[in-house]
Every structure is written in C-alpha cells, then in structure tokens.
Full PDB file with SEQRES, HELIX, SHEET, SSBOND, CRYST1, ORIGX, SCALE, CONECT and MASTER records, all heavy atoms in Angstrom:
SEQRES   1 A   38  PHE THR THR PRO SER GLY ARG LEU SER GLU GLU VAL VAL          
SEQRES   2 A   38  SER GLY SER SER GLU THR ILE GLN LEU THR VAL LYS ASN          
SEQRES   3 A   38  ILE GLY THR LEU PRO LEU ASN GLU LEU ALA ILE SER              
CRYST1    1.000    1.000    1.000  90.00  90.00  90.00 P 1           1          
ORIGX1      1.000000  0.000000  0.000000        0.00000                         
ORIGX2      0.000000  1.000000  0.000000        0.00000                         
ORIGX3      0.000000  0.000000  1.000000        0.00000                         
SCALE1      1.000000  0.000000  0.000000        0.00000                         
SCALE2      0.000000  1.000000  0.000000        0.00000                         
SCALE3      0.000000  0.000000  1.000000        0.00000                         
ATOM      1  N   PHE A   1    -140.117-128.370  28.209  1.00  0.00           N  
ATOM      2  CA  PHE A   1    -141.351-127.836  27.632  1.00  0.00           C  
ATOM      3  C   PHE A   1    -142.215-127.333  28.776  1.00  0.00           C  
ATOM      4  O   PHE A   1    -142.622-128.096  29.656  1.00  0.00           O  
ATOM      5  CB  PHE A   1    -142.063-128.944  26.855  1.00  0.00           C  
ATOM      6  CG  PHE A   1    -143.216-128.481  26.017  1.00  0.00           C  
ATOM      7  CD1 PHE A   1    -143.249-127.213  25.460  1.00  0.00           C  
ATOM      8  CD2 PHE A   1    -144.287-129.337  25.756  1.00  0.00           C  
ATOM      9  CE1 PHE A   1    -144.306-126.799  24.667  1.00  0.00           C  
ATOM     10  CE2 PHE A   1    -145.350-128.937  24.976  1.00  0.00           C  
ATOM     11  CZ  PHE A   1    -145.361-127.665  24.428  1.00  0.00           C  
ATOM     12  N   THR A   2    -142.499-126.027  28.784  1.00  0.00           N  
ATOM     13  CA  THR A   2    -143.266-125.443  29.883  1.00  0.00           C  
ATOM     14  C   THR A   2    -143.899-124.132  29.403  1.00  0.00           C  
ATOM     15  O   THR A   2    -144.062-123.920  28.201  1.00  0.00           O  
ATOM     16  CB  THR A   2    -142.353-125.208  31.112  1.00  0.00           C  
ATOM     17  OG1 THR A   2    -143.127-124.698  32.193  1.00  0.00           O  
ATOM     18  CG2 THR A   2    -141.209-124.273  30.801  1.00  0.00           C  
ATOM     19  N   THR A   3    -144.239-123.259  30.336  1.00  0.00           N  
ATOM     20  CA  THR A   3    -144.735-121.919  30.022  1.00  0.00           C  
ATOM     21  C   THR A   3    -143.751-120.895  30.574  1.00  0.00           C  
ATOM     22  O   THR A   3    -142.967-121.214  31.474  1.00  0.00           O  
ATOM     23  CB  THR A   3    -146.130-121.691  30.634  1.00  0.00           C  
ATOM     24  OG1 THR A   3    -146.014-121.765  32.066  1.00  0.00           O  
ATOM     25  CG2 THR A   3    -147.115-122.740  30.159  1.00  0.00           C  
ATOM     26  N   PRO A   4    -143.750-119.656  30.059  1.00  0.00           N  
ATOM     27  CA  PRO A   4    -142.812-118.645  30.563  1.00  0.00           C  
ATOM     28  C   PRO A   4    -142.908-118.435  32.072  1.00  0.00           C  
ATOM     29  O   PRO A   4    -141.904-118.204  32.744  1.00  0.00           O  
ATOM     30  CB  PRO A   4    -143.216-117.383  29.793  1.00  0.00           C  
ATOM     31  CG  PRO A   4    -143.831-117.886  28.528  1.00  0.00           C  
ATOM     32  CD  PRO A   4    -144.540-119.152  28.911  1.00  0.00           C  
ATOM     33  N   SER A   5    -144.100-118.544  32.629  1.00  0.00           N  
ATOM     34  CA  SER A   5    -144.289-118.322  34.068  1.00  0.00           C  
ATOM     35  C   SER A   5    -144.255-119.621  34.878  1.00  0.00           C  
ATOM     36  O   SER A   5    -144.182-119.580  36.099  1.00  0.00           O  
ATOM     37  CB  SER A   5    -145.630-117.623  34.310  1.00  0.00           C  
ATOM     38  OG  SER A   5    -146.709-118.460  33.908  1.00  0.00           O  
ATOM     39  N   GLY A   6    -144.313-120.747  34.191  1.00  0.00           N  
ATOM     40  CA  GLY A   6    -144.386-122.031  34.874  1.00  0.00           C  
ATOM     41  C   GLY A   6    -145.802-122.428  35.253  1.00  0.00           C  
ATOM     42  O   GLY A   6    -146.034-123.535  35.739  1.00  0.00           O  
ATOM     43  N   ARG A   7    -146.757-121.555  34.998  1.00  0.00           N  
ATOM     44  CA  ARG A   7    -148.158-121.828  35.334  1.00  0.00           C  
ATOM     45  C   ARG A   7    -148.756-122.778  34.299  1.00  0.00           C  
ATOM     46  O   ARG A   7    -148.595-122.576  33.089  1.00  0.00           O  
ATOM     47  CB  ARG A   7    -148.947-120.519  35.364  1.00  0.00           C  
ATOM     48  CG  ARG A   7    -150.424-120.679  35.690  1.00  0.00           C  
ATOM     49  CD  ARG A   7    -151.132-119.332  35.594  1.00  0.00           C  
ATOM     50  NE  ARG A   7    -152.574-119.474  35.738  1.00  0.00           N  
ATOM     51  CZ  ARG A   7    -153.439-118.480  35.540  1.00  0.00           C  
ATOM     52  NH1 ARG A   7    -152.999-117.284  35.190  1.00  0.00           N  
ATOM     53  NH2 ARG A   7    -154.739-118.685  35.686  1.00  0.00           N  
ATOM     54  N   LEU A   8    -149.488-123.786  34.760  1.00  0.00           N  
ATOM     55  CA  LEU A   8    -150.067-124.784  33.867  1.00  0.00           C  
ATOM     56  C   LEU A   8    -151.579-124.879  34.047  1.00  0.00           C  
ATOM     57  O   LEU A   8    -152.149-125.968  34.089  1.00  0.00           O  
ATOM     58  CB  LEU A   8    -149.418-126.157  34.102  1.00  0.00           C  
ATOM     59  CG  LEU A   8    -147.915-126.245  33.828  1.00  0.00           C  
ATOM     60  CD1 LEU A   8    -147.392-127.619  34.163  1.00  0.00           C  
ATOM     61  CD2 LEU A   8    -147.614-125.908  32.364  1.00  0.00           C  
ATOM     62  N   SER A   9    -152.224-123.719  34.151  1.00  0.00           N  
ATOM     63  CA  SER A   9    -153.683-123.686  34.267  1.00  0.00           C  
ATOM     64  C   SER A   9    -154.197-122.415  33.597  1.00  0.00           C  
ATOM     65  O   SER A   9    -153.477-121.417  33.490  1.00  0.00           O  
ATOM     66  CB  SER A   9    -154.126-123.737  35.732  1.00  0.00           C  
ATOM     67  OG  SER A   9    -153.649-122.593  36.428  1.00  0.00           O  
ATOM     68  N   GLU A  10    -155.461-122.468  33.155  1.00  0.00           N  
ATOM     69  CA  GLU A  10    -156.045-121.320  32.474  1.00  0.00           C  
ATOM     70  C   GLU A  10    -157.558-121.390  32.601  1.00  0.00           C  
ATOM     71  O   GLU A  10    -158.137-122.469  32.785  1.00  0.00           O  
ATOM     72  CB  GLU A  10    -155.645-121.335  30.996  1.00  0.00           C  
ATOM     73  CG  GLU A  10    -155.949-120.047  30.263  1.00  0.00           C  
ATOM     74  CD  GLU A  10    -155.203-118.865  30.863  1.00  0.00           C  
ATOM     75  OE1 GLU A  10    -153.967-118.772  30.679  1.00  0.00           O  
ATOM     76  OE2 GLU A  10    -155.882-118.048  31.527  1.00  0.00           O  
ATOM     77  N   GLU A  11    -158.196-120.211  32.538  1.00  0.00           N  
ATOM     78  CA  GLU A  11    -159.656-120.125  32.552  1.00  0.00           C  
ATOM     79  C   GLU A  11    -160.134-119.719  31.172  1.00  0.00           C  
ATOM     80  O   GLU A  11    -159.578-118.806  30.553  1.00  0.00           O  
ATOM     81  CB  GLU A  11    -160.129-119.112  33.596  1.00  0.00           C  
ATOM     82  CG  GLU A  11    -159.821-119.519  35.024  1.00  0.00           C  
ATOM     83  CD  GLU A  11    -160.353-118.508  36.031  1.00  0.00           C  
ATOM     84  OE1 GLU A  11    -160.952-117.486  35.591  1.00  0.00           O  
ATOM     85  OE2 GLU A  11    -160.188-118.730  37.247  1.00  0.00           O  
ATOM     86  N   VAL A  12    -161.181-120.411  30.691  1.00  0.00           N  
ATOM     87  CA  VAL A  12    -161.728-120.138  29.358  1.00  0.00           C  
ATOM     88  C   VAL A  12    -163.245-120.089  29.461  1.00  0.00           C  
ATOM     89  O   VAL A  12    -163.858-120.908  30.150  1.00  0.00           O  
ATOM     90  CB  VAL A  12    -161.303-121.226  28.351  1.00  0.00           C  
ATOM     91  CG1 VAL A  12    -161.841-120.895  26.959  1.00  0.00           C  
ATOM     92  CG2 VAL A  12    -159.808-121.380  28.313  1.00  0.00           C  
ATOM     93  N   VAL A  13    -163.831-119.130  28.747  1.00  0.00           N  
ATOM     94  CA  VAL A  13    -165.287-119.024  28.699  1.00  0.00           C  
ATOM     95  C   VAL A  13    -165.807-119.939  27.600  1.00  0.00           C  
ATOM     96  O   VAL A  13    -165.253-119.982  26.500  1.00  0.00           O  
ATOM     97  CB  VAL A  13    -165.722-117.571  28.450  1.00  0.00           C  
ATOM     98  CG1 VAL A  13    -167.246-117.485  28.293  1.00  0.00           C  
ATOM     99  CG2 VAL A  13    -165.265-116.678  29.583  1.00  0.00           C  
ATOM    100  N   SER A  14    -166.835-120.696  27.903  1.00  0.00           N  
ATOM    101  CA  SER A  14    -167.429-121.607  26.931  1.00  0.00           C  
ATOM    102  C   SER A  14    -167.796-120.870  25.647  1.00  0.00           C  
ATOM    103  O   SER A  14    -168.397-119.801  25.678  1.00  0.00           O  
ATOM    104  CB  SER A  14    -168.676-122.255  27.538  1.00  0.00           C  
ATOM    105  OG  SER A  14    -169.305-123.080  26.602  1.00  0.00           O  
ATOM    106  N   GLY A  15    -167.393-121.426  24.496  1.00  0.00           N  
ATOM    107  CA  GLY A  15    -167.695-120.819  23.207  1.00  0.00           C  
ATOM    108  C   GLY A  15    -166.690-119.781  22.761  1.00  0.00           C  
ATOM    109  O   GLY A  15    -166.898-119.125  21.738  1.00  0.00           O  
ATOM    110  N   SER A  16    -165.581-119.613  23.494  1.00  0.00           N  
ATOM    111  CA  SER A  16    -164.591-118.599  23.141  1.00  0.00           C  
ATOM    112  C   SER A  16    -163.217-119.241  22.938  1.00  0.00           C  
ATOM    113  O   SER A  16    -163.047-120.451  23.060  1.00  0.00           O  
ATOM    114  CB  SER A  16    -164.511-117.532  24.230  1.00  0.00           C  
ATOM    115  OG  SER A  16    -163.981-118.092  25.419  1.00  0.00           O  
ATOM    116  N   SER A  17    -162.250-118.415  22.616  1.00  0.00           N  
ATOM    117  CA  SER A  17    -160.866-118.864  22.424  1.00  0.00           C  
ATOM    118  C   SER A  17    -159.961-118.208  23.451  1.00  0.00           C  
ATOM    119  O   SER A  17    -160.238-117.107  23.929  1.00  0.00           O  
ATOM    120  CB  SER A  17    -160.383-118.524  21.012  1.00  0.00           C  
ATOM    121  OG  SER A  17    -161.166-119.165  20.034  1.00  0.00           O  
ATOM    122  N   GLU A  18    -158.865-118.898  23.782  1.00  0.00           N  
ATOM    123  CA  GLU A  18    -157.899-118.368  24.747  1.00  0.00           C  
ATOM    124  C   GLU A  18    -156.488-118.607  24.211  1.00  0.00           C  
ATOM    125  O   GLU A  18    -156.180-119.670  23.676  1.00  0.00           O  
ATOM    126  CB  GLU A  18    -158.081-119.041  26.104  1.00  0.00           C  
ATOM    127  CG  GLU A  18    -157.247-118.432  27.211  1.00  0.00           C  
ATOM    128  CD  GLU A  18    -157.740-117.049  27.607  1.00  0.00           C  
ATOM    129  OE1 GLU A  18    -158.947-116.746  27.394  1.00  0.00           O  
ATOM    130  OE2 GLU A  18    -156.927-116.269  28.137  1.00  0.00           O  
ATOM    131  N   THR A  19    -155.643-117.603  24.373  1.00  0.00           N  
ATOM    132  CA  THR A  19    -154.249-117.714  23.923  1.00  0.00           C  
ATOM    133  C   THR A  19    -153.367-118.135  25.091  1.00  0.00           C  
ATOM    134  O   THR A  19    -153.436-117.553  26.177  1.00  0.00           O  
ATOM    135  CB  THR A  19    -153.750-116.375  23.353  1.00  0.00           C  
ATOM    136  OG1 THR A  19    -154.541-116.028  22.215  1.00  0.00           O  
ATOM    137  CG2 THR A  19    -152.289-116.480  22.918  1.00  0.00           C  
ATOM    138  N   ILE A  20    -152.530-119.144  24.845  1.00  0.00           N  
ATOM    139  CA  ILE A  20    -151.618-119.670  25.870  1.00  0.00           C  
ATOM    140  C   ILE A  20    -150.194-119.615  25.326  1.00  0.00           C  
ATOM    141  O   ILE A  20    -149.934-120.053  24.206  1.00  0.00           O  
ATOM    142  CB  ILE A  20    -151.984-121.122  26.241  1.00  0.00           C  
ATOM    143  CG1 ILE A  20    -153.418-121.191  26.761  1.00  0.00           C  
ATOM    144  CG2 ILE A  20    -150.999-121.691  27.257  1.00  0.00           C  
ATOM    145  CD1 ILE A  20    -153.919-122.604  26.990  1.00  0.00           C  
ATOM    146  N   GLN A  21    -149.288-119.089  26.111  1.00  0.00           N  
ATOM    147  CA  GLN A  21    -147.882-119.013  25.724  1.00  0.00           C  
ATOM    148  C   GLN A  21    -147.130-120.245  26.247  1.00  0.00           C  
ATOM    149  O   GLN A  21    -147.212-120.573  27.425  1.00  0.00           O  
ATOM    150  CB  GLN A  21    -147.240-117.735  26.272  1.00  0.00           C  
ATOM    151  CG  GLN A  21    -147.814-116.452  25.702  1.00  0.00           C  
ATOM    152  CD  GLN A  21    -147.636-116.364  24.183  1.00  0.00           C  
ATOM    153  OE1 GLN A  21    -146.604-116.753  23.648  1.00  0.00           O  
ATOM    154  NE2 GLN A  21    -148.660-115.856  23.516  1.00  0.00           N  
ATOM    155  N   LEU A  22    -146.406-120.901  25.343  1.00  0.00           N  
ATOM    156  CA  LEU A  22    -145.611-122.073  25.678  1.00  0.00           C  
ATOM    157  C   LEU A  22    -144.143-121.799  25.347  1.00  0.00           C  
ATOM    158  O   LEU A  22    -143.843-120.966  24.490  1.00  0.00           O  
ATOM    159  CB  LEU A  22    -146.087-123.301  24.902  1.00  0.00           C  
ATOM    160  CG  LEU A  22    -147.571-123.655  25.015  1.00  0.00           C  
ATOM    161  CD1 LEU A  22    -147.923-124.779  24.051  1.00  0.00           C  
ATOM    162  CD2 LEU A  22    -147.923-124.051  26.442  1.00  0.00           C  
ATOM    163  N   THR A  23    -143.248-122.511  26.025  1.00  0.00           N  
ATOM    164  CA  THR A  23    -141.811-122.336  25.807  1.00  0.00           C  
ATOM    165  C   THR A  23    -141.136-123.699  25.652  1.00  0.00           C  
ATOM    166  O   THR A  23    -141.339-124.589  26.477  1.00  0.00           O  
ATOM    167  CB  THR A  23    -141.149-121.590  26.978  1.00  0.00           C  
ATOM    168  OG1 THR A  23    -141.772-120.316  27.140  1.00  0.00           O  
ATOM    169  CG2 THR A  23    -139.660-121.385  26.714  1.00  0.00           C  
ATOM    170  N   VAL A  24    -140.351-123.838  24.576  1.00  0.00           N  
ATOM    171  CA  VAL A  24    -139.506-125.027  24.416  1.00  0.00           C  
ATOM    172  C   VAL A  24    -138.051-124.573  24.554  1.00  0.00           C  
ATOM    173  O   VAL A  24    -137.640-123.565  23.981  1.00  0.00           O  
ATOM    174  CB  VAL A  24    -139.724-125.721  23.057  1.00  0.00           C  
ATOM    175  CG1 VAL A  24    -141.038-126.431  23.023  1.00  0.00           C  
ATOM    176  CG2 VAL A  24    -139.621-124.745  21.903  1.00  0.00           C  
ATOM    177  N   LYS A  25    -137.274-125.320  25.331  1.00  0.00           N  
ATOM    178  CA  LYS A  25    -135.877-124.967  25.559  1.00  0.00           C  
ATOM    179  C   LYS A  25    -134.995-126.192  25.399  1.00  0.00           C  
ATOM    180  O   LYS A  25    -135.319-127.281  25.879  1.00  0.00           O  
ATOM    181  CB  LYS A  25    -135.684-124.383  26.967  1.00  0.00           C  
ATOM    182  CG  LYS A  25    -134.258-123.890  27.233  1.00  0.00           C  
ATOM    183  CD  LYS A  25    -134.139-123.224  28.596  1.00  0.00           C  
ATOM    184  CE  LYS A  25    -132.724-122.715  28.828  1.00  0.00           C  
ATOM    185  NZ  LYS A  25    -132.579-122.052  30.149  1.00  0.00           N  
ATOM    186  N   ASN A  26    -133.876-125.998  24.720  1.00  0.00           N  
ATOM    187  CA  ASN A  26    -132.888-127.066  24.540  1.00  0.00           C  
ATOM    188  C   ASN A  26    -131.922-127.025  25.719  1.00  0.00           C  
ATOM    189  O   ASN A  26    -131.065-126.146  25.803  1.00  0.00           O  
ATOM    190  CB  ASN A  26    -132.146-126.879  23.215  1.00  0.00           C  
ATOM    191  CG  ASN A  26    -131.185-128.014  22.929  1.00  0.00           C  
ATOM    192  OD1 ASN A  26    -130.940-128.877  23.764  1.00  0.00           O  
ATOM    193  ND2 ASN A  26    -130.625-128.016  21.724  1.00  0.00           N  
ATOM    194  N   ILE A  27    -132.048-127.982  26.640  1.00  0.00           N  
ATOM    195  CA  ILE A  27    -131.172-128.015  27.811  1.00  0.00           C  
ATOM    196  C   ILE A  27    -130.078-129.075  27.663  1.00  0.00           C  
ATOM    197  O   ILE A  27    -129.373-129.385  28.614  1.00  0.00           O  
ATOM    198  CB  ILE A  27    -131.982-128.266  29.102  1.00  0.00           C  
ATOM    199  CG1 ILE A  27    -132.777-129.563  29.009  1.00  0.00           C  
ATOM    200  CG2 ILE A  27    -132.913-127.102  29.376  1.00  0.00           C  
ATOM    201  CD1 ILE A  27    -133.509-129.929  30.293  1.00  0.00           C  
ATOM    202  N   GLY A  28    -129.946-129.630  26.443  1.00  0.00           N  
ATOM    203  CA  GLY A  28    -128.874-130.575  26.160  1.00  0.00           C  
ATOM    204  C   GLY A  28    -127.668-129.866  25.574  1.00  0.00           C  
ATOM    205  O   GLY A  28    -127.538-128.640  25.642  1.00  0.00           O  
ATOM    206  N   THR A  29    -126.784-130.651  24.959  1.00  0.00           N  
ATOM    207  CA  THR A  29    -125.574-130.094  24.350  1.00  0.00           C  
ATOM    208  C   THR A  29    -125.568-130.221  22.832  1.00  0.00           C  
ATOM    209  O   THR A  29    -124.665-129.717  22.176  1.00  0.00           O  
ATOM    210  CB  THR A  29    -124.321-130.787  24.903  1.00  0.00           C  
ATOM    211  OG1 THR A  29    -124.372-132.187  24.597  1.00  0.00           O  
ATOM    212  CG2 THR A  29    -124.229-130.610  26.418  1.00  0.00           C  
ATOM    213  N   LEU A  30    -126.587-130.892  22.260  1.00  0.00           N  
ATOM    214  CA  LEU A  30    -126.681-131.074  20.810  1.00  0.00           C  
ATOM    215  C   LEU A  30    -127.915-130.362  20.276  1.00  0.00           C  
ATOM    216  O   LEU A  30    -128.920-130.223  20.986  1.00  0.00           O  
ATOM    217  CB  LEU A  30    -126.770-132.569  20.461  1.00  0.00           C  
ATOM    218  CG  LEU A  30    -125.562-133.423  20.844  1.00  0.00           C  
ATOM    219  CD1 LEU A  30    -125.877-134.895  20.612  1.00  0.00           C  
ATOM    220  CD2 LEU A  30    -124.323-133.007  20.060  1.00  0.00           C  
ATOM    221  N   PRO A  31    -127.888-129.893  19.021  1.00  0.00           N  
ATOM    222  CA  PRO A  31    -129.050-129.207  18.445  1.00  0.00           C  
ATOM    223  C   PRO A  31    -130.253-130.133  18.338  1.00  0.00           C  
ATOM    224  O   PRO A  31    -130.116-131.335  18.097  1.00  0.00           O  
ATOM    225  CB  PRO A  31    -128.559-128.785  17.050  1.00  0.00           C  
ATOM    226  CG  PRO A  31    -127.070-128.831  17.114  1.00  0.00           C  
ATOM    227  CD  PRO A  31    -126.738-129.914  18.092  1.00  0.00           C  
ATOM    228  N   LEU A  32    -131.432-129.567  18.517  1.00  0.00           N  
ATOM    229  CA  LEU A  32    -132.691-130.292  18.325  1.00  0.00           C  
ATOM    230  C   LEU A  32    -133.334-129.785  17.043  1.00  0.00           C  
ATOM    231  O   LEU A  32    -133.601-128.587  16.914  1.00  0.00           O  
ATOM    232  CB  LEU A  32    -133.622-130.067  19.520  1.00  0.00           C  
ATOM    233  CG  LEU A  32    -133.184-130.698  20.844  1.00  0.00           C  
ATOM    234  CD1 LEU A  32    -134.035-130.152  21.988  1.00  0.00           C  
ATOM    235  CD2 LEU A  32    -133.280-132.212  20.788  1.00  0.00           C  
ATOM    236  N   ASN A  33    -133.590-130.685  16.100  1.00  0.00           N  
ATOM    237  CA  ASN A  33    -134.134-130.309  14.805  1.00  0.00           C  
ATOM    238  C   ASN A  33    -135.562-130.822  14.636  1.00  0.00           C  
ATOM    239  O   ASN A  33    -135.932-131.865  15.176  1.00  0.00           O  
ATOM    240  CB  ASN A  33    -133.263-130.870  13.673  1.00  0.00           C  
ATOM    241  CG  ASN A  33    -131.845-130.334  13.735  1.00  0.00           C  
ATOM    242  OD1 ASN A  33    -131.627-129.162  14.031  1.00  0.00           O  
ATOM    243  ND2 ASN A  33    -130.879-131.192  13.468  1.00  0.00           N  
ATOM    244  N   GLU A  34    -136.343-130.072  13.861  1.00  0.00           N  
ATOM    245  CA  GLU A  34    -137.708-130.471  13.505  1.00  0.00           C  
ATOM    246  C   GLU A  34    -138.559-130.801  14.726  1.00  0.00           C  
ATOM    247  O   GLU A  34    -139.155-131.871  14.840  1.00  0.00           O  
ATOM    248  CB  GLU A  34    -137.677-131.665  12.547  1.00  0.00           C  
ATOM    249  CG  GLU A  34    -136.947-131.411  11.239  1.00  0.00           C  
ATOM    250  CD  GLU A  34    -137.647-130.373  10.366  1.00  0.00           C  
ATOM    251  OE1 GLU A  34    -138.886-130.235  10.483  1.00  0.00           O  
ATOM    252  OE2 GLU A  34    -136.959-129.702   9.580  1.00  0.00           O  
ATOM    253  N   LEU A  35    -138.657-129.845  15.645  1.00  0.00           N  
ATOM    254  CA  LEU A  35    -139.514-130.011  16.816  1.00  0.00           C  
ATOM    255  C   LEU A  35    -140.964-129.723  16.421  1.00  0.00           C  
ATOM    256  O   LEU A  35    -141.290-128.618  15.980  1.00  0.00           O  
ATOM    257  CB  LEU A  35    -139.087-129.071  17.935  1.00  0.00           C  
ATOM    258  CG  LEU A  35    -137.909-129.487  18.815  1.00  0.00           C  
ATOM    259  CD1 LEU A  35    -137.493-128.331  19.709  1.00  0.00           C  
ATOM    260  CD2 LEU A  35    -138.265-130.703  19.658  1.00  0.00           C  
ATOM    261  N   ALA A  36    -141.834-130.701  16.591  1.00  0.00           N  
ATOM    262  CA  ALA A  36    -143.244-130.548  16.236  1.00  0.00           C  
ATOM    263  C   ALA A  36    -144.083-130.372  17.502  1.00  0.00           C  
ATOM    264  O   ALA A  36    -143.890-131.095  18.483  1.00  0.00           O  
ATOM    265  CB  ALA A  36    -143.726-131.750  15.441  1.00  0.00           C  
ATOM    266  N   ILE A  37    -145.030-129.432  17.456  1.00  0.00           N  
ATOM    267  CA  ILE A  37    -145.916-129.165  18.586  1.00  0.00           C  
ATOM    268  C   ILE A  37    -147.302-129.706  18.249  1.00  0.00           C  
ATOM    269  O   ILE A  37    -147.847-129.434  17.188  1.00  0.00           O  
ATOM    270  CB  ILE A  37    -146.010-127.655  18.892  1.00  0.00           C  
ATOM    271  CG1 ILE A  37    -144.610-127.015  18.904  1.00  0.00           C  
ATOM    272  CG2 ILE A  37    -146.722-127.422  20.211  1.00  0.00           C  
ATOM    273  CD1 ILE A  37    -143.680-127.583  19.940  1.00  0.00           C  
ATOM    274  N   SER A  38    -147.874-130.490  19.164  1.00  0.00           N  
ATOM    275  CA  SER A  38    -149.195-131.073  18.927  1.00  0.00           C  
ATOM    276  C   SER A  38    -150.000-131.054  20.218  1.00  0.00           C  
ATOM    277  O   SER A  38    -149.496-130.678  21.282  1.00  0.00           O  
ATOM    278  CB  SER A  38    -149.067-132.501  18.393  1.00  0.00           C  
ATOM    279  OG  SER A  38    -148.386-133.317  19.323  1.00  0.00           O  
TER     280      SER A  38                                                      
MASTER        0    0    0    0    0    0    0    6  279    1    0    3          
END                                                                             
C-alpha cells in the first residue's frame, strides 16, 4: 500500500480539499478479496 510516486506528504490549504492518489498491489501468490480502504 503506497502512492504511485512513493511520496507520502502533501500540502493543503486550510478550509479546502486535496486529492491524493493511492495504490494497492497484490505482491503475494493468492487473490486478495474485499479490500477495504479507511
């Protein structure tokens, strides 16, 4: 679980919204089902 660029920091202006891209990857050999993001 990381970001496409590997960067884990962001700047946000108070009172606004910011979009962040995240990436989940299955690096095992078995399928992963029902992955929940919180």
